[in-house]
Amino acid sequence: MDLNNLTGFLVHRTDLKMTNFFTKLLKQYEVTPEQWGIILVLDTERATSQKELAEAIDRDQTTVVRMIYSLEKKEIVRRIQNDSDKRSHNLYLSDKGMSLKTKLMPIVTAAHEHITKYLSNDEIQQLHDLLAKLYSTVKDE
């Protein structure tokens, strides 16, 4: 069997290359692709719980706590204790985090356009649909 006929191999190989490409773009801003995911999800206006964030970026809560701690040290994220549930924290982007999000958005948009430059809008949508189907097959495994 040829590796290039295995969907899992092709998806993984593509993911590695795309992650490396994106990591290089974000390195000068001292942000990882995973941290960018958090920054993108968080908003300065609406509180987000750690559980909601973990679900949004599809990571376990333990991993998310470590990532939040790192972003807090960089003063990008603010964690405020929930008034109604003292065991829970609300997460917000700090002013610095919002500024970083604004600065990175055109860079991320350009990166997306670069990696999809040989695909039509219909093909991009089709790719998203196909990846969603693959994901739904294995998400609970």
C-alpha atoms as a PDB file:
ATOM      1  CA  MET A   1       0.000   0.000   0.000  1.00  0.00           C
ATOM      2  CA  ASP A   2       1.294   3.445  -0.973  1.00  0.00           C
ATOM      3  CA  LEU A   3       1.343   6.128   1.755  1.00  0.00           C
ATOM      4  CA  ASN A   4       0.083   8.683  -0.743  1.00  0.00           C
ATOM      5  CA  ASN A   5      -3.158   6.705  -1.014  1.00  0.00           C
ATOM      6  CA  LEU A   6      -3.844   6.965   2.727  1.00  0.00           C
ATOM      7  CA  THR A   7      -6.092   9.885   3.639  1.00  0.00           C
ATOM      8  CA  GLY A   8      -4.768  10.079   7.195  1.00  0.00           C
ATOM      9  CA  PHE A   9      -1.182  10.365   5.965  1.00  0.00           C
ATOM     10  CA  LEU A  10      -2.079  13.077   3.447  1.00  0.00           C
ATOM     11  CA  VAL A  11      -4.029  15.093   6.032  1.00  0.00           C
ATOM     12  CA  HIS A  12      -1.244  14.737   8.600  1.00  0.00           C
ATOM     13  CA  ARG A  13       1.494  15.668   6.117  1.00  0.00           C
ATOM     14  CA  THR A  14      -0.460  18.732   5.024  1.00  0.00           C
ATOM     15  CA  ASP A  15      -1.190  19.716   8.625  1.00  0.00           C
ATOM     16  CA  LEU A  16       2.510  19.543   9.531  1.00  0.00           C
ATOM     17  CA  LYS A  17       3.551  21.734   6.598  1.00  0.00           C
ATOM     18  CA  MET A  18       0.770  24.250   7.199  1.00  0.00           C
ATOM     19  CA  THR A  19       1.521  24.405  10.934  1.00  0.00           C
ATOM     20  CA  ASN A  20       5.243  24.965  10.239  1.00  0.00           C
ATOM     21  CA  PHE A  21       4.378  27.705   7.727  1.00  0.00           C
ATOM     22  CA  PHE A  22       2.051  29.411  10.197  1.00  0.00           C
ATOM     23  CA  THR A  23       4.498  29.000  13.100  1.00  0.00           C
ATOM     24  CA  LYS A  24       7.183  30.835  11.113  1.00  0.00           C
ATOM     25  CA  LEU A  25       4.794  33.707  10.370  1.00  0.00           C
ATOM     26  CA  LEU A  26       3.791  34.111  14.024  1.00  0.00           C
ATOM     27  CA  LYS A  27       7.240  33.575  15.572  1.00  0.00           C
ATOM     28  CA  GLN A  28       8.238  37.255  15.506  1.00  0.00           C
ATOM     29  CA  TYR A  29       5.079  38.051  17.517  1.00  0.00           C
ATOM     30  CA  GLU A  30       5.931  35.349  20.074  1.00  0.00           C
ATOM     31  CA  VAL A  31       2.634  33.587  19.483  1.00  0.00           C
ATOM     32  CA  THR A  32       2.082  29.947  18.507  1.00  0.00           C
ATOM     33  CA  PRO A  33      -0.684  28.790  16.163  1.00  0.00           C
ATOM     34  CA  GLU A  34      -2.468  27.283  19.181  1.00  0.00           C
ATOM     35  CA  GLN A  35      -2.259  30.588  21.058  1.00  0.00           C
ATOM     36  CA  TRP A  36      -3.561  32.372  17.962  1.00  0.00           C
ATOM     37  CA  GLY A  37      -6.599  30.093  18.139  1.00  0.00           C
ATOM     38  CA  ILE A  38      -7.265  31.282  21.685  1.00  0.00           C
ATOM     39  CA  ILE A  39      -6.744  34.928  20.757  1.00  0.00           C
ATOM     40  CA  LEU A  40      -9.167  34.563  17.861  1.00  0.00           C
ATOM     41  CA  VAL A  41     -11.856  32.981  20.046  1.00  0.00           C
ATOM     42  CA  LEU A  42     -11.584  35.466  22.897  1.00  0.00           C
ATOM     43  CA  ASP A  43     -13.319  38.791  22.761  1.00  0.00           C
ATOM     44  CA  THR A  44     -12.867  41.865  24.948  1.00  0.00           C
ATOM     45  CA  GLU A  45     -16.624  42.308  25.378  1.00  0.00           C
ATOM     46  CA  ARG A  46     -17.917  38.842  26.238  1.00  0.00           C
ATOM     47  CA  ALA A  47     -16.634  36.553  28.944  1.00  0.00           C
ATOM     48  CA  THR A  48     -15.531  33.099  27.846  1.00  0.00           C
ATOM     49  CA  SER A  49     -15.098  30.260  30.315  1.00  0.00           C
ATOM     50  CA  GLN A  50     -12.134  27.896  30.169  1.00  0.00           C
ATOM     51  CA  LYS A  51     -14.551  25.085  29.318  1.00  0.00           C
ATOM     52  CA  GLU A  52     -16.068  27.050  26.403  1.00  0.00           C
ATOM     53  CA  LEU A  53     -12.595  27.888  25.149  1.00  0.00           C
ATOM     54  CA  ALA A  54     -11.464  24.255  25.365  1.00  0.00           C
ATOM     55  CA  GLU A  55     -14.483  23.198  23.315  1.00  0.00           C
ATOM     56  CA  ALA A  56     -13.971  25.991  20.760  1.00  0.00           C
ATOM     57  CA  ILE A  57     -10.343  25.052  20.054  1.00  0.00           C
ATOM     58  CA  ASP A  58     -10.886  21.305  20.577  1.00  0.00           C
ATOM     59  CA  ARG A  59      -8.322  20.846  23.350  1.00  0.00           C
ATOM     60  CA  ASP A  60      -8.622  19.296  26.797  1.00  0.00           C
ATOM     61  CA  GLN A  61      -9.062  21.722  29.687  1.00  0.00           C
ATOM     62  CA  THR A  62      -5.684  20.890  31.238  1.00  0.00           C
ATOM     63  CA  THR A  63      -3.898  21.916  28.044  1.00  0.00           C
ATOM     64  CA  VAL A  64      -6.024  25.061  27.781  1.00  0.00           C
ATOM     65  CA  VAL A  65      -5.145  26.080  31.350  1.00  0.00           C
ATOM     66  CA  ARG A  66      -1.422  25.889  30.487  1.00  0.00           C
ATOM     67  CA  MET A  67      -1.963  27.888  27.318  1.00  0.00           C
ATOM     68  CA  ILE A  68      -3.977  30.535  29.175  1.00  0.00           C
ATOM     69  CA  TYR A  69      -1.274  30.790  31.831  1.00  0.00           C
ATOM     70  CA  SER A  70       1.320  31.429  29.116  1.00  0.00           C
ATOM     71  CA  LEU A  71      -0.854  34.118  27.510  1.00  0.00           C
ATOM     72  CA  GLU A  72      -1.490  35.693  30.919  1.00  0.00           C
ATOM     73  CA  LYS A  73       2.262  35.955  31.522  1.00  0.00           C
ATOM     74  CA  LYS A  74       2.521  37.779  28.183  1.00  0.00           C
ATOM     75  CA  GLU A  75      -0.349  40.041  29.329  1.00  0.00           C
ATOM     76  CA  ILE A  76      -2.472  39.029  26.330  1.00  0.00           C
ATOM     77  CA  VAL A  77      -5.279  37.358  28.277  1.00  0.00           C
ATOM     78  CA  ARG A  78      -7.026  38.399  31.482  1.00  0.00           C
ATOM     79  CA  ARG A  79      -8.517  35.750  33.750  1.00  0.00           C
ATOM     80  CA  ILE A  80     -11.153  37.029  36.171  1.00  0.00           C
ATOM     81  CA  GLN A  81     -12.889  34.897  38.780  1.00  0.00           C
ATOM     82  CA  ASN A  82     -16.558  34.274  37.970  1.00  0.00           C
ATOM     83  CA  ASP A  83     -18.771  36.033  40.545  1.00  0.00           C
ATOM     84  CA  SER A  84     -21.476  33.359  40.415  1.00  0.00           C
ATOM     85  CA  ASP A  85     -19.095  30.362  40.460  1.00  0.00           C
ATOM     86  CA  LYS A  86     -15.867  30.938  42.381  1.00  0.00           C
ATOM     87  CA  ARG A  87     -14.329  27.759  40.901  1.00  0.00           C
ATOM     88  CA  SER A  88     -14.617  29.180  37.392  1.00  0.00           C
ATOM     89  CA  HIS A  89     -12.834  31.998  35.585  1.00  0.00           C
ATOM     90  CA  ASN A  90     -13.953  34.309  32.807  1.00  0.00           C
ATOM     91  CA  LEU A  91     -11.422  34.959  30.083  1.00  0.00           C
ATOM     92  CA  TYR A  92     -10.978  38.150  28.106  1.00  0.00           C
ATOM     93  CA  LEU A  93      -8.401  39.598  25.783  1.00  0.00           C
ATOM     94  CA  SER A  94      -6.445  42.398  27.426  1.00  0.00           C
ATOM     95  CA  ASP A  95      -5.909  45.662  25.580  1.00  0.00           C
ATOM     96  CA  LYS A  96      -2.520  44.273  24.535  1.00  0.00           C
ATOM     97  CA  GLY A  97      -4.228  41.084  23.338  1.00  0.00           C
ATOM     98  CA  MET A  98      -6.798  43.011  21.327  1.00  0.00           C
ATOM     99  CA  SER A  99      -4.049  45.099  19.745  1.00  0.00           C
ATOM    100  CA  LEU A 100      -2.142  41.920  18.864  1.00  0.00           C
ATOM    101  CA  LYS A 101      -5.278  40.362  17.377  1.00  0.00           C
ATOM    102  CA  THR A 102      -5.802  43.448  15.216  1.00  0.00           C
ATOM    103  CA  LYS A 103      -2.157  43.405  14.101  1.00  0.00           C
ATOM    104  CA  LEU A 104      -2.151  39.673  13.294  1.00  0.00           C
ATOM    105  CA  MET A 105      -5.475  39.498  11.456  1.00  0.00           C
ATOM    106  CA  PRO A 106      -4.083  40.758   8.099  1.00  0.00           C
ATOM    107  CA  ILE A 107      -1.085  38.421   8.431  1.00  0.00           C
ATOM    108  CA  VAL A 108      -3.339  35.428   9.083  1.00  0.00           C
ATOM    109  CA  THR A 109      -5.641  36.441   6.233  1.00  0.00           C
ATOM    110  CA  ALA A 110      -2.661  36.700   3.860  1.00  0.00           C
ATOM    111  CA  ALA A 111      -1.423  33.279   5.035  1.00  0.00           C
ATOM    112  CA  HIS A 112      -4.843  31.767   4.342  1.00  0.00           C
ATOM    113  CA  GLU A 113      -4.895  33.334   0.889  1.00  0.00           C
ATOM    114  CA  HIS A 114      -1.386  32.017   0.191  1.00  0.00           C
ATOM    115  CA  ILE A 115      -2.126  28.418   1.106  1.00  0.00           C
ATOM    116  CA  THR A 116      -5.424  28.393  -0.777  1.00  0.00           C
ATOM    117  CA  LYS A 117      -4.254  30.338  -3.845  1.00  0.00           C
ATOM    118  CA  TYR A 118      -4.680  27.350  -6.163  1.00  0.00           C
ATOM    119  CA  LEU A 119      -8.212  26.610  -4.935  1.00  0.00           C
ATOM    120  CA  SER A 120     -11.446  28.267  -6.022  1.00  0.00           C
ATOM    121  CA  ASN A 121     -13.931  29.446  -3.400  1.00  0.00           C
ATOM    122  CA  ASP A 122     -16.081  26.411  -4.218  1.00  0.00           C
ATOM    123  CA  GLU A 123     -13.092  24.099  -3.746  1.00  0.00           C
ATOM    124  CA  ILE A 124     -12.261  25.726  -0.405  1.00  0.00           C
ATOM    125  CA  GLN A 125     -15.845  25.174   0.739  1.00  0.00           C
ATOM    126  CA  GLN A 126     -15.752  21.603  -0.526  1.00  0.00           C
ATOM    127  CA  LEU A 127     -12.484  20.998   1.325  1.00  0.00           C
ATOM    128  CA  HIS A 128     -13.995  22.389   4.540  1.00  0.00           C
ATOM    129  CA  ASP A 129     -17.042  20.151   4.106  1.00  0.00           C
ATOM    130  CA  LEU A 130     -14.898  17.064   3.485  1.00  0.00           C
ATOM    131  CA  LEU A 131     -12.643  17.776   6.461  1.00  0.00           C
ATOM    132  CA  ALA A 132     -15.726  18.269   8.652  1.00  0.00           C
ATOM    133  CA  LYS A 133     -16.995  14.851   7.558  1.00  0.00           C
ATOM    134  CA  LEU A 134     -13.653  13.221   8.349  1.00  0.00           C
ATOM    135  CA  TYR A 135     -13.547  14.983  11.716  1.00  0.00           C
ATOM    136  CA  SER A 136     -17.073  13.939  12.650  1.00  0.00           C
ATOM    137  CA  THR A 137     -16.120  10.321  11.986  1.00  0.00           C
ATOM    138  CA  VAL A 138     -13.232  10.354  14.487  1.00  0.00           C
ATOM    139  CA  LYS A 139     -14.045  13.153  16.969  1.00  0.00           C
ATOM    140  CA  ASP A 140     -15.356  10.814  19.666  1.00  0.00           C
ATOM    141  CA  GLU A 141     -12.798   8.063  19.158  1.00  0.00           C
END
